[in-house]
Amino acid sequence: MRRTSIFAVSRIIKKIWKKFKALGSRNMGYREEIYDALKVQPETLIQGISEARQITGNMRNLLGGMERAAERSGRYWKGKAGDEHRAYFFRLKQNGERILSGLGNSIADLEQITASYTRTERAAAERVEVLPGDVIQ
């Protein structure tokens, strides 16, 4: 598993955003440049989705381990400081769960986009195969 995949996607998004901002109010030629920057093979998306699912799964496991450790600390860390520490962790945990939920939704959206793109590409290829070879003559 490559650890740079999420960072690579972030760099691509930043690059697209910079192009978009740089082109700003110019003529409508920016569309073609953005479309060229957004072209991705479905296999690449599927691999990225798989890696993202694995990473978010690992993050959920780590968050669960941290939660268990915070709960266990209640056995030996008594008093106000321990209670505040656990309360602080559980506030952070809620943010982490919200972030992971958002990532999960984004992954699901990417899966739908990939499936739609693949279906459309397949349908277009089938239509091209149906065309007779002597259309131009």
C-alpha atoms as a PDB file:
ATOM      1  CA  MET A   1       0.000   0.000   0.000  1.00  0.00           C
ATOM      2  CA  ARG A   2       1.316   3.410  -0.927  1.00  0.00           C
ATOM      3  CA  ARG A   3       1.065   5.992   1.819  1.00  0.00           C
ATOM      4  CA  THR A   4       1.308   8.891  -0.616  1.00  0.00           C
ATOM      5  CA  SER A   5      -1.951   8.262  -2.469  1.00  0.00           C
ATOM      6  CA  ILE A   6      -4.049  10.681  -0.399  1.00  0.00           C
ATOM      7  CA  PHE A   7      -1.313  13.303  -0.597  1.00  0.00           C
ATOM      8  CA  ALA A   8      -1.057  12.789  -4.364  1.00  0.00           C
ATOM      9  CA  VAL A   9      -4.793  13.400  -4.742  1.00  0.00           C
ATOM     10  CA  SER A  10      -4.463  16.515  -2.591  1.00  0.00           C
ATOM     11  CA  ARG A  11      -1.659  17.804  -4.820  1.00  0.00           C
ATOM     12  CA  ILE A  12      -3.751  17.184  -7.942  1.00  0.00           C
ATOM     13  CA  ILE A  13      -6.701  19.061  -6.450  1.00  0.00           C
ATOM     14  CA  LYS A  14      -4.437  21.974  -5.492  1.00  0.00           C
ATOM     15  CA  LYS A  15      -2.962  21.998  -9.007  1.00  0.00           C
ATOM     16  CA  ILE A  16      -6.423  22.086 -10.574  1.00  0.00           C
ATOM     17  CA  TRP A  17      -7.507  24.845  -8.203  1.00  0.00           C
ATOM     18  CA  LYS A  18      -4.423  26.927  -9.057  1.00  0.00           C
ATOM     19  CA  LYS A  19      -5.132  26.491 -12.778  1.00  0.00           C
ATOM     20  CA  PHE A  20      -8.740  27.440 -12.241  1.00  0.00           C
ATOM     21  CA  LYS A  21      -7.807  30.571 -10.277  1.00  0.00           C
ATOM     22  CA  ALA A  22      -5.092  31.525 -12.780  1.00  0.00           C
ATOM     23  CA  LEU A  23      -7.470  31.213 -15.706  1.00  0.00           C
ATOM     24  CA  GLY A  24     -10.162  33.078 -13.788  1.00  0.00           C
ATOM     25  CA  SER A  25     -11.881  35.544 -16.063  1.00  0.00           C
ATOM     26  CA  ARG A  26     -10.110  34.561 -19.278  1.00  0.00           C
ATOM     27  CA  ASN A  27     -11.999  33.151 -22.212  1.00  0.00           C
ATOM     28  CA  MET A  28     -13.839  29.866 -21.918  1.00  0.00           C
ATOM     29  CA  GLY A  29     -10.712  27.858 -22.844  1.00  0.00           C
ATOM     30  CA  TYR A  30     -10.197  27.029 -19.189  1.00  0.00           C
ATOM     31  CA  ARG A  31     -12.835  24.311 -19.427  1.00  0.00           C
ATOM     32  CA  GLU A  32     -10.693  22.169 -21.704  1.00  0.00           C
ATOM     33  CA  GLU A  33      -7.676  22.559 -19.436  1.00  0.00           C
ATOM     34  CA  ILE A  34      -9.695  21.587 -16.373  1.00  0.00           C
ATOM     35  CA  TYR A  35     -11.276  18.629 -18.173  1.00  0.00           C
ATOM     36  CA  ASP A  36      -7.817  17.460 -19.248  1.00  0.00           C
ATOM     37  CA  ALA A  37      -6.589  17.738 -15.656  1.00  0.00           C
ATOM     38  CA  LEU A  38      -9.579  15.764 -14.361  1.00  0.00           C
ATOM     39  CA  LYS A  39      -9.231  12.767 -16.702  1.00  0.00           C
ATOM     40  CA  VAL A  40      -8.670   9.637 -14.655  1.00  0.00           C
ATOM     41  CA  GLN A  41      -8.754   5.988 -15.608  1.00  0.00           C
ATOM     42  CA  PRO A  42     -11.463   3.981 -13.798  1.00  0.00           C
ATOM     43  CA  GLU A  43      -8.832   1.479 -12.664  1.00  0.00           C
ATOM     44  CA  THR A  44      -6.943   4.295 -10.946  1.00  0.00           C
ATOM     45  CA  LEU A  45     -10.119   5.416  -9.184  1.00  0.00           C
ATOM     46  CA  ILE A  46     -10.922   1.868  -8.094  1.00  0.00           C
ATOM     47  CA  GLN A  47      -7.408   1.432  -6.697  1.00  0.00           C
ATOM     48  CA  GLY A  48      -7.633   4.786  -4.902  1.00  0.00           C
ATOM     49  CA  ILE A  49     -11.039   3.877  -3.474  1.00  0.00           C
ATOM     50  CA  SER A  50      -9.659   0.585  -2.202  1.00  0.00           C
ATOM     51  CA  GLU A  51      -6.694   2.316  -0.566  1.00  0.00           C
ATOM     52  CA  ALA A  52      -8.936   4.990   0.952  1.00  0.00           C
ATOM     53  CA  ARG A  53     -11.244   2.317   2.403  1.00  0.00           C
ATOM     54  CA  GLN A  54      -8.258   0.522   3.904  1.00  0.00           C
ATOM     55  CA  ILE A  55      -6.830   3.733   5.375  1.00  0.00           C
ATOM     56  CA  THR A  56     -10.157   4.827   6.871  1.00  0.00           C
ATOM     57  CA  GLY A  57     -10.638   1.314   8.271  1.00  0.00           C
ATOM     58  CA  ASN A  58      -7.227   1.519   9.921  1.00  0.00           C
ATOM     59  CA  MET A  59      -8.099   4.954  11.281  1.00  0.00           C
ATOM     60  CA  ARG A  60     -11.354   3.594  12.747  1.00  0.00           C
ATOM     61  CA  ASN A  61      -9.417   0.761  14.396  1.00  0.00           C
ATOM     62  CA  LEU A  62      -6.899   3.209  15.862  1.00  0.00           C
ATOM     63  CA  LEU A  63      -9.698   5.437  17.131  1.00  0.00           C
ATOM     64  CA  GLY A  64     -11.336   2.396  18.736  1.00  0.00           C
ATOM     65  CA  GLY A  65      -8.054   1.449  20.407  1.00  0.00           C
ATOM     66  CA  MET A  66      -7.659   4.962  21.740  1.00  0.00           C
ATOM     67  CA  GLU A  67     -11.209   4.849  23.084  1.00  0.00           C
ATOM     68  CA  ARG A  68     -10.540   1.584  24.901  1.00  0.00           C
ATOM     69  CA  ALA A  69      -7.343   3.038  26.383  1.00  0.00           C
ATOM     70  CA  ALA A  70      -9.212   6.142  27.568  1.00  0.00           C
ATOM     71  CA  GLU A  71     -11.913   3.990  29.153  1.00  0.00           C
ATOM     72  CA  ARG A  72      -9.312   1.781  30.867  1.00  0.00           C
ATOM     73  CA  SER A  73      -7.578   4.853  32.259  1.00  0.00           C
ATOM     74  CA  GLY A  74     -10.664   5.316  34.436  1.00  0.00           C
ATOM     75  CA  ARG A  75      -9.508   2.314  36.491  1.00  0.00           C
ATOM     76  CA  TYR A  76      -6.264   3.920  37.611  1.00  0.00           C
ATOM     77  CA  TRP A  77      -6.528   7.640  36.831  1.00  0.00           C
ATOM     78  CA  LYS A  78      -9.057   8.875  39.337  1.00  0.00           C
ATOM     79  CA  GLY A  79     -10.142  12.404  40.052  1.00  0.00           C
ATOM     80  CA  LYS A  80     -10.839  15.584  38.177  1.00  0.00           C
ATOM     81  CA  ALA A  81      -7.757  15.463  35.923  1.00  0.00           C
ATOM     82  CA  GLY A  82      -8.567  11.944  34.714  1.00  0.00           C
ATOM     83  CA  ASP A  83     -12.200  12.853  34.131  1.00  0.00           C
ATOM     84  CA  GLU A  84     -11.203  15.952  32.162  1.00  0.00           C
ATOM     85  CA  HIS A  85      -8.722  13.952  30.096  1.00  0.00           C
ATOM     86  CA  ARG A  86     -11.364  11.358  29.189  1.00  0.00           C
ATOM     87  CA  ALA A  87     -13.969  14.047  28.443  1.00  0.00           C
ATOM     88  CA  TYR A  88     -11.465  15.810  26.182  1.00  0.00           C
ATOM     89  CA  PHE A  89     -10.727  12.575  24.345  1.00  0.00           C
ATOM     90  CA  PHE A  90     -14.411  11.844  23.789  1.00  0.00           C
ATOM     91  CA  ARG A  91     -14.933  15.347  22.350  1.00  0.00           C
ATOM     92  CA  LEU A  92     -12.033  14.721  19.976  1.00  0.00           C
ATOM     93  CA  LYS A  93     -13.434  11.287  19.183  1.00  0.00           C
ATOM     94  CA  GLN A  94     -16.709  12.843  18.036  1.00  0.00           C
ATOM     95  CA  ASN A  95     -14.802  15.067  15.607  1.00  0.00           C
ATOM     96  CA  GLY A  96     -12.816  12.073  14.384  1.00  0.00           C
ATOM     97  CA  GLU A  97     -15.976  10.063  13.805  1.00  0.00           C
ATOM     98  CA  ARG A  98     -17.523  12.981  11.927  1.00  0.00           C
ATOM     99  CA  ILE A  99     -14.440  13.243   9.712  1.00  0.00           C
ATOM    100  CA  LEU A 100     -14.370   9.496   9.062  1.00  0.00           C
ATOM    101  CA  SER A 101     -18.077   9.579   8.239  1.00  0.00           C
ATOM    102  CA  GLY A 102     -17.464  12.362   5.717  1.00  0.00           C
ATOM    103  CA  LEU A 103     -14.593  10.398   4.189  1.00  0.00           C
ATOM    104  CA  GLY A 104     -16.856   7.357   3.952  1.00  0.00           C
ATOM    105  CA  ASN A 105     -19.478   9.428   2.135  1.00  0.00           C
ATOM    106  CA  SER A 106     -16.845  10.761  -0.267  1.00  0.00           C
ATOM    107  CA  ILE A 107     -15.630   7.241  -0.965  1.00  0.00           C
ATOM    108  CA  ALA A 108     -19.202   6.106  -1.665  1.00  0.00           C
ATOM    109  CA  ASP A 109     -19.672   9.070  -4.018  1.00  0.00           C
ATOM    110  CA  LEU A 110     -16.458   8.173  -5.854  1.00  0.00           C
ATOM    111  CA  GLU A 111     -17.679   4.596  -6.234  1.00  0.00           C
ATOM    112  CA  GLN A 112     -20.924   5.829  -7.792  1.00  0.00           C
ATOM    113  CA  ILE A 113     -19.054   8.208 -10.104  1.00  0.00           C
ATOM    114  CA  THR A 114     -16.684   5.432 -11.169  1.00  0.00           C
ATOM    115  CA  ALA A 115     -19.550   3.016 -11.842  1.00  0.00           C
ATOM    116  CA  SER A 116     -21.448   5.639 -13.843  1.00  0.00           C
ATOM    117  CA  TYR A 117     -18.349   6.574 -15.830  1.00  0.00           C
ATOM    118  CA  THR A 118     -17.564   2.925 -16.566  1.00  0.00           C
ATOM    119  CA  ARG A 119     -21.158   2.230 -17.693  1.00  0.00           C
ATOM    120  CA  THR A 120     -21.143   5.291 -19.947  1.00  0.00           C
ATOM    121  CA  GLU A 121     -17.777   4.417 -21.480  1.00  0.00           C
ATOM    122  CA  ARG A 122     -18.899   0.834 -22.078  1.00  0.00           C
ATOM    123  CA  ALA A 123     -22.163   2.000 -23.705  1.00  0.00           C
ATOM    124  CA  ALA A 124     -20.264   4.446 -25.933  1.00  0.00           C
ATOM    125  CA  ALA A 125     -17.853   1.710 -27.009  1.00  0.00           C
ATOM    126  CA  GLU A 126     -20.777  -0.600 -27.843  1.00  0.00           C
ATOM    127  CA  ARG A 127     -22.423   2.126 -29.946  1.00  0.00           C
ATOM    128  CA  VAL A 128     -19.210   2.672 -31.877  1.00  0.00           C
ATOM    129  CA  GLU A 129     -18.925  -1.060 -32.610  1.00  0.00           C
ATOM    130  CA  VAL A 130     -22.442  -1.044 -34.099  1.00  0.00           C
ATOM    131  CA  LEU A 131     -21.600   1.656 -36.658  1.00  0.00           C
ATOM    132  CA  PRO A 132     -20.822   0.321 -40.135  1.00  0.00           C
ATOM    133  CA  GLY A 133     -17.258   0.747 -41.352  1.00  0.00           C
ATOM    134  CA  ASP A 134     -18.180   2.456 -44.632  1.00  0.00           C
ATOM    135  CA  VAL A 135     -20.085   5.412 -43.174  1.00  0.00           C
ATOM    136  CA  ILE A 136     -17.644   7.975 -44.574  1.00  0.00           C
ATOM    137  CA  GLN A 137     -17.783   6.673 -48.165  1.00  0.00           C
END
